[in-house]
Protein backbone atom coordinates (compact mmCIF):
# COMPACT_ATOMS: atom_id res chain seq x y z
CA MET A 1 -40.39 7.03 -77.59
CA THR A 2 -39.45 3.94 -75.43
CA THR A 3 -40.28 4.20 -71.64
CA LYS A 4 -37.61 3.00 -69.14
CA MET A 5 -38.75 0.10 -67.38
CA PRO A 6 -38.55 -0.07 -63.58
CA ALA A 7 -37.09 -3.45 -62.28
CA LEU A 8 -39.19 -5.30 -59.82
CA TYR A 9 -38.40 -8.30 -57.16
CA ILE A 10 -41.58 -9.91 -56.53
CA GLY A 11 -43.20 -12.87 -54.32
CA HIS A 12 -44.43 -15.37 -56.85
CA GLY A 13 -46.79 -17.82 -54.19
CA ALA A 14 -47.69 -21.14 -55.00
CA PRO A 15 -50.25 -21.96 -57.78
CA PRO A 16 -53.25 -21.37 -55.22
CA LEU A 17 -52.05 -17.47 -55.39
CA LEU A 18 -54.45 -17.32 -58.53
CA ASP A 19 -57.38 -18.05 -56.15
CA ASP A 20 -56.31 -15.49 -53.80
CA PRO A 21 -58.08 -12.45 -54.23
CA VAL A 22 -55.92 -10.30 -51.44
CA TRP A 23 -52.82 -11.15 -53.13
CA SER A 24 -53.73 -11.34 -56.69
CA GLY A 25 -55.64 -8.09 -56.64
CA GLN A 26 -52.40 -6.38 -55.21
CA LEU A 27 -50.37 -7.55 -57.84
CA ALA A 28 -53.09 -6.66 -60.58
CA ALA A 29 -53.27 -3.38 -59.07
CA TRP A 30 -49.46 -2.83 -59.24
CA ALA A 31 -49.34 -3.78 -62.74
CA ARG A 32 -52.01 -1.90 -63.75
CA ASP A 33 -50.03 1.26 -62.43
CA LEU A 34 -46.68 0.49 -64.31
CA PRO A 35 -45.78 1.42 -67.87
CA ARG A 36 -46.46 -1.17 -70.20
CA PRO A 37 -43.55 -3.30 -71.14
CA LYS A 38 -42.45 -4.08 -74.75
CA ALA A 39 -41.15 -7.73 -72.92
CA ILE A 40 -40.42 -8.89 -69.70
CA LEU A 41 -37.19 -10.83 -68.66
CA ILE A 42 -37.90 -12.86 -65.49
CA VAL A 43 -35.50 -15.02 -63.11
CA SER A 44 -37.39 -17.03 -60.85
CA ALA A 45 -36.40 -18.87 -57.73
CA HIS A 46 -37.01 -22.22 -59.61
CA TRP A 47 -34.46 -22.75 -62.26
CA GLU A 48 -30.59 -22.57 -60.81
CA SER A 49 -28.67 -23.76 -63.74
CA ALA A 50 -25.06 -22.35 -64.83
CA PRO A 51 -24.41 -21.14 -67.28
CA VAL A 52 -26.92 -18.57 -67.99
CA SER A 53 -29.69 -20.49 -69.73
CA LEU A 54 -32.80 -19.08 -71.40
CA THR A 55 -36.42 -20.48 -72.31
CA ALA A 56 -37.63 -21.36 -75.49
CA SER A 57 -40.60 -19.19 -77.02
CA GLY A 58 -43.49 -21.02 -77.55
CA ALA A 59 -42.70 -24.02 -75.21
CA PRO A 60 -44.76 -25.55 -72.84
CA LEU A 61 -45.30 -24.29 -68.98
CA VAL A 62 -43.06 -25.91 -66.51
CA TYR A 63 -45.76 -27.60 -63.84
CA ASP A 64 -42.71 -27.51 -61.03
CA PHE A 65 -45.15 -28.26 -58.20
CA GLY A 66 -46.92 -31.20 -56.48
CA GLY A 67 -50.01 -31.86 -54.14
CA PHE A 68 -52.41 -29.14 -55.74
CA ALA A 69 -55.47 -29.30 -57.36
CA PRO A 70 -55.41 -30.85 -61.19
CA LYS A 71 -56.52 -27.66 -62.87
CA TYR A 72 -53.36 -25.80 -62.17
CA TYR A 73 -51.68 -28.53 -64.48
CA LYS A 74 -53.78 -27.86 -67.23
CA MET A 75 -53.14 -24.04 -67.14
CA THR A 76 -51.65 -22.26 -70.07
CA TYR A 77 -49.83 -18.82 -70.69
CA GLU A 78 -48.97 -18.79 -74.38
CA THR A 79 -47.20 -15.25 -74.93
CA PRO A 80 -45.54 -13.75 -78.30
CA ASP A 81 -42.14 -14.81 -79.50
CA ALA A 82 -39.17 -13.53 -77.25
CA SER A 83 -36.42 -15.02 -79.53
CA ALA A 84 -35.04 -11.36 -79.87
CA LEU A 85 -34.86 -10.74 -76.85
CA ALA A 86 -33.10 -14.15 -76.09
CA LYS A 87 -30.47 -12.78 -78.88
CA ARG A 88 -30.15 -9.50 -77.10
CA VAL A 89 -29.62 -11.22 -73.69
CA ALA A 90 -27.03 -13.50 -75.22
CA ALA A 91 -25.37 -10.94 -76.59
CA MET A 92 -25.26 -9.05 -73.58
CA MET A 93 -22.71 -11.76 -71.82
CA PRO A 94 -19.02 -11.24 -71.23
CA GLN A 95 -17.29 -12.90 -74.44
CA GLY A 96 -16.08 -16.22 -73.76
CA GLU A 97 -18.94 -16.92 -71.33
CA PRO A 98 -21.86 -19.33 -72.99
CA VAL A 99 -25.32 -18.96 -72.98
CA HIS A 100 -27.50 -22.06 -73.32
CA GLN A 101 -30.63 -21.73 -75.48
CA HIS A 102 -32.89 -24.42 -74.54
CA ARG A 103 -34.89 -25.45 -77.14
CA SER A 104 -37.94 -27.13 -75.07
CA ARG A 105 -37.97 -25.70 -71.68
CA GLY A 106 -40.83 -23.06 -71.00
CA LEU A 107 -41.97 -20.58 -68.13
CA ASP A 108 -41.68 -22.16 -64.67
CA HIS A 109 -44.31 -21.55 -61.66
CA GLY A 110 -42.15 -18.77 -60.29
CA ALA A 111 -42.72 -16.87 -63.57
CA TRP A 112 -46.21 -17.83 -64.97
CA VAL A 113 -48.36 -17.88 -61.88
CA PRO A 114 -47.75 -13.96 -60.90
CA LEU A 115 -47.90 -12.88 -64.68
CA LYS A 116 -50.74 -14.52 -65.31
CA ILE A 117 -52.27 -12.23 -62.86
CA MET A 118 -50.26 -9.20 -63.56
CA TYR A 119 -50.68 -9.70 -67.69
CA PRO A 120 -53.55 -11.97 -68.07
CA ASP A 121 -53.95 -11.54 -71.73
CA ALA A 122 -50.36 -12.94 -72.43
CA ASP A 123 -49.84 -10.75 -75.07
CA ILE A 124 -46.07 -9.61 -73.78
CA PRO A 125 -43.07 -11.55 -75.08
CA VAL A 126 -41.61 -13.31 -71.82
CA LEU A 127 -38.18 -14.69 -71.20
CA GLN A 128 -36.95 -16.65 -68.62
CA MET A 129 -33.30 -16.70 -67.49
CA SER A 130 -31.72 -19.12 -64.72
CA LEU A 131 -30.02 -18.44 -61.62
CA PRO A 132 -26.42 -19.10 -62.49
CA THR A 133 -24.95 -18.51 -59.06
CA GLU A 134 -25.91 -18.16 -55.17
CA ASP A 135 -23.24 -15.54 -55.16
CA PRO A 136 -25.16 -12.00 -54.27
CA TYR A 137 -22.46 -9.75 -55.87
CA LYS A 138 -22.20 -12.09 -58.91
CA LEU A 139 -25.75 -11.47 -59.54
CA LEU A 140 -25.72 -7.86 -58.78
CA LYS A 141 -22.89 -7.72 -61.70
CA LEU A 142 -25.19 -9.85 -63.72
CA GLY A 143 -28.34 -7.38 -62.84
CA GLU A 144 -26.32 -4.19 -63.97
CA ARG A 145 -25.10 -6.22 -67.40
CA LEU A 146 -28.82 -6.39 -68.18
CA ARG A 147 -29.55 -2.88 -67.10
CA PRO A 148 -29.43 -1.28 -70.40
CA LEU A 149 -32.37 -3.63 -71.64
CA ARG A 150 -34.70 -1.28 -69.42
CA ASP A 151 -34.02 1.69 -71.65
CA GLU A 152 -35.12 -0.81 -74.42
CA GLY A 153 -38.64 -1.19 -72.71
CA VAL A 154 -37.81 -4.42 -71.06
CA MET A 155 -39.00 -4.95 -67.59
CA ILE A 156 -36.85 -6.77 -65.35
CA ILE A 157 -38.31 -9.03 -62.97
CA GLY A 158 -36.61 -11.18 -60.06
CA SER A 159 -39.28 -13.60 -58.46
CA GLY A 160 -38.65 -15.31 -55.41
CA PHE A 161 -40.28 -15.16 -51.84
CA LEU A 162 -38.58 -12.82 -49.19
CA THR A 163 -39.16 -15.85 -46.48
CA HIS A 164 -39.32 -19.35 -47.60
CA GLY A 165 -39.15 -21.67 -44.69
CA LEU A 166 -41.47 -24.21 -45.75
CA PRO A 167 -39.96 -27.19 -43.62
CA PHE A 168 -40.60 -24.99 -40.55
CA LEU A 169 -44.20 -24.09 -41.14
CA LYS A 170 -46.87 -25.59 -39.01
CA ASP A 171 -49.77 -23.98 -40.31
CA TRP A 172 -50.38 -24.42 -44.27
CA SER A 173 -53.28 -22.00 -44.47
CA ILE A 174 -53.19 -18.80 -46.53
CA GLU A 175 -54.26 -17.15 -43.33
CA ALA A 176 -51.41 -18.48 -41.18
CA LYS A 177 -49.76 -16.10 -38.71
CA ALA A 178 -46.21 -15.52 -39.50
CA PRO A 179 -43.47 -17.46 -37.16
CA GLY A 180 -40.77 -15.11 -35.74
CA TRP A 181 -38.30 -16.20 -38.09
CA SER A 182 -40.48 -15.02 -40.91
CA LYS A 183 -41.17 -11.68 -38.96
CA ASP A 184 -38.00 -10.91 -37.86
CA PHE A 185 -35.87 -11.70 -41.39
CA ASP A 186 -39.01 -9.57 -43.12
CA LEU A 187 -38.45 -6.53 -40.83
CA TRP A 188 -34.50 -6.52 -41.38
CA ALA A 189 -34.73 -6.95 -45.07
CA GLY A 190 -37.33 -3.96 -45.26
CA GLU A 191 -35.40 -1.77 -43.20
CA ALA A 192 -31.76 -2.58 -45.05
CA MET A 193 -33.99 -1.87 -48.54
CA ASN A 194 -35.02 1.52 -46.82
CA ARG A 195 -31.22 2.38 -46.11
CA GLY A 196 -30.10 1.17 -49.45
CA ASP A 197 -28.06 -0.99 -47.83
CA VAL A 198 -26.91 -3.83 -50.32
CA ASP A 199 -23.86 -4.82 -48.46
CA GLU A 200 -26.19 -5.74 -45.45
CA LEU A 201 -28.80 -7.73 -47.55
CA ALA A 202 -25.70 -9.57 -49.27
CA ALA A 203 -24.49 -10.85 -45.76
CA TYR A 204 -27.74 -12.14 -44.95
CA LYS A 205 -26.46 -15.75 -43.79
CA SER A 206 -24.41 -13.94 -41.20
CA LYS A 207 -26.72 -10.51 -40.50
CA ALA A 208 -30.19 -11.63 -40.82
CA PRO A 209 -32.03 -12.52 -37.86
CA GLY A 210 -34.44 -15.50 -38.56
CA MET A 211 -31.55 -17.45 -40.56
CA PRO A 212 -31.56 -20.31 -41.52
CA TYR A 213 -35.09 -20.99 -40.73
CA ALA A 214 -36.01 -18.16 -43.38
CA HIS A 215 -34.17 -19.61 -45.95
CA PRO A 216 -32.81 -22.94 -45.49
CA THR A 217 -31.93 -22.60 -49.16
CA VAL A 218 -31.40 -19.48 -50.78
CA GLU A 219 -32.82 -19.63 -54.40
CA HIS A 220 -36.01 -17.73 -53.14
CA TYR A 221 -34.04 -14.66 -51.71
CA ILE A 222 -31.05 -14.06 -54.07
CA PRO A 223 -33.32 -13.08 -57.30
CA LEU A 224 -33.31 -9.97 -55.22
CA PHE A 225 -29.69 -9.19 -56.35
CA ILE A 226 -30.56 -9.34 -59.88
CA THR A 227 -33.49 -6.66 -59.70
CA LEU A 228 -30.92 -4.60 -57.68
CA GLY A 229 -28.00 -4.79 -59.96
CA ALA A 230 -30.40 -3.55 -62.77
CA ALA A 231 -31.35 -0.34 -60.76
CA ASP A 232 -29.69 2.75 -61.70
CA LYS A 233 -28.07 2.98 -58.24
CA ALA A 234 -28.24 -0.72 -56.41
CA ASP A 235 -28.20 1.33 -52.95
CA LYS A 236 -30.72 3.90 -53.65
CA PRO A 237 -33.91 2.77 -51.63
CA GLY A 238 -36.70 0.57 -53.19
CA ASP A 239 -40.24 1.62 -53.62
CA GLN A 240 -42.05 -1.36 -51.56
CA LYS A 241 -45.43 -2.01 -53.40
CA ILE A 242 -46.76 -5.09 -51.36
CA ASP A 243 -45.99 -6.37 -47.68
CA GLY A 244 -47.73 -8.83 -45.50
CA TYR A 245 -47.64 -12.73 -45.14
CA TRP A 246 -48.93 -15.39 -46.98
CA MET A 247 -49.06 -18.83 -45.37
CA GLY A 248 -46.84 -16.90 -42.91
CA LEU A 249 -43.93 -16.17 -45.45
CA SER A 250 -43.18 -12.82 -46.23
CA LYS A 251 -44.81 -11.52 -49.59
CA ARG A 252 -43.19 -7.87 -49.27
CA SER A 253 -41.88 -6.77 -52.68
CA TRP A 254 -40.51 -3.88 -54.37
CA GLN A 255 -39.95 -1.79 -57.38
CA VAL A 256 -36.82 -0.21 -58.23
CA ALA A 257 -35.88 2.75 -60.83
């Protein structure tokens, strides 16, 4: 019998996350507690593209970052073929809406950095899907459309960062104290998730404290709505698995059933 998979919203960090024993330990421990997926479908903040687009199995990783140690640009994460999942996802999209299957784009760091920690053996097929819109309700609908995959053993992951005000950081050390705008947004989102208040979360631009500093651009927050849409009930409180801050940014992450 196939085990139904949960859906996750995770903070993915930058490549130095791979060398952070605290946060990487939290991600690894979380993965050990999860049922083993047959495949993973991940939506990262670092690929905004419409129409819905899918990565190519076997394609090289995308090193979409700069200013880090050379070793990060030589890392690999070669996973099994995910072509069957790509066909399944394409078939789930509304009739008449195109799906672009890339021939050369691999996983970006919003996907491969956390997955290298969670599943270091790279023995699970991984497919990355683009973020086709910034509209929370359209992303909820997209997550809902993908929901049946969970019954087929596919784990759905929204990969972002609960606060991501990089232009406003004054201290770029991993142990930096969280600015007020980061703490305020983090606590607001945590309380809204505890209530299962999807409408509150969707109205973040007008209701969330700490805006627009917490998200001067929104791509790191909105993968959350793919995760919530894939939940059996979007308004059910999420199970918080990680909290705290990294470089002053919120790494709060959830698992939903």
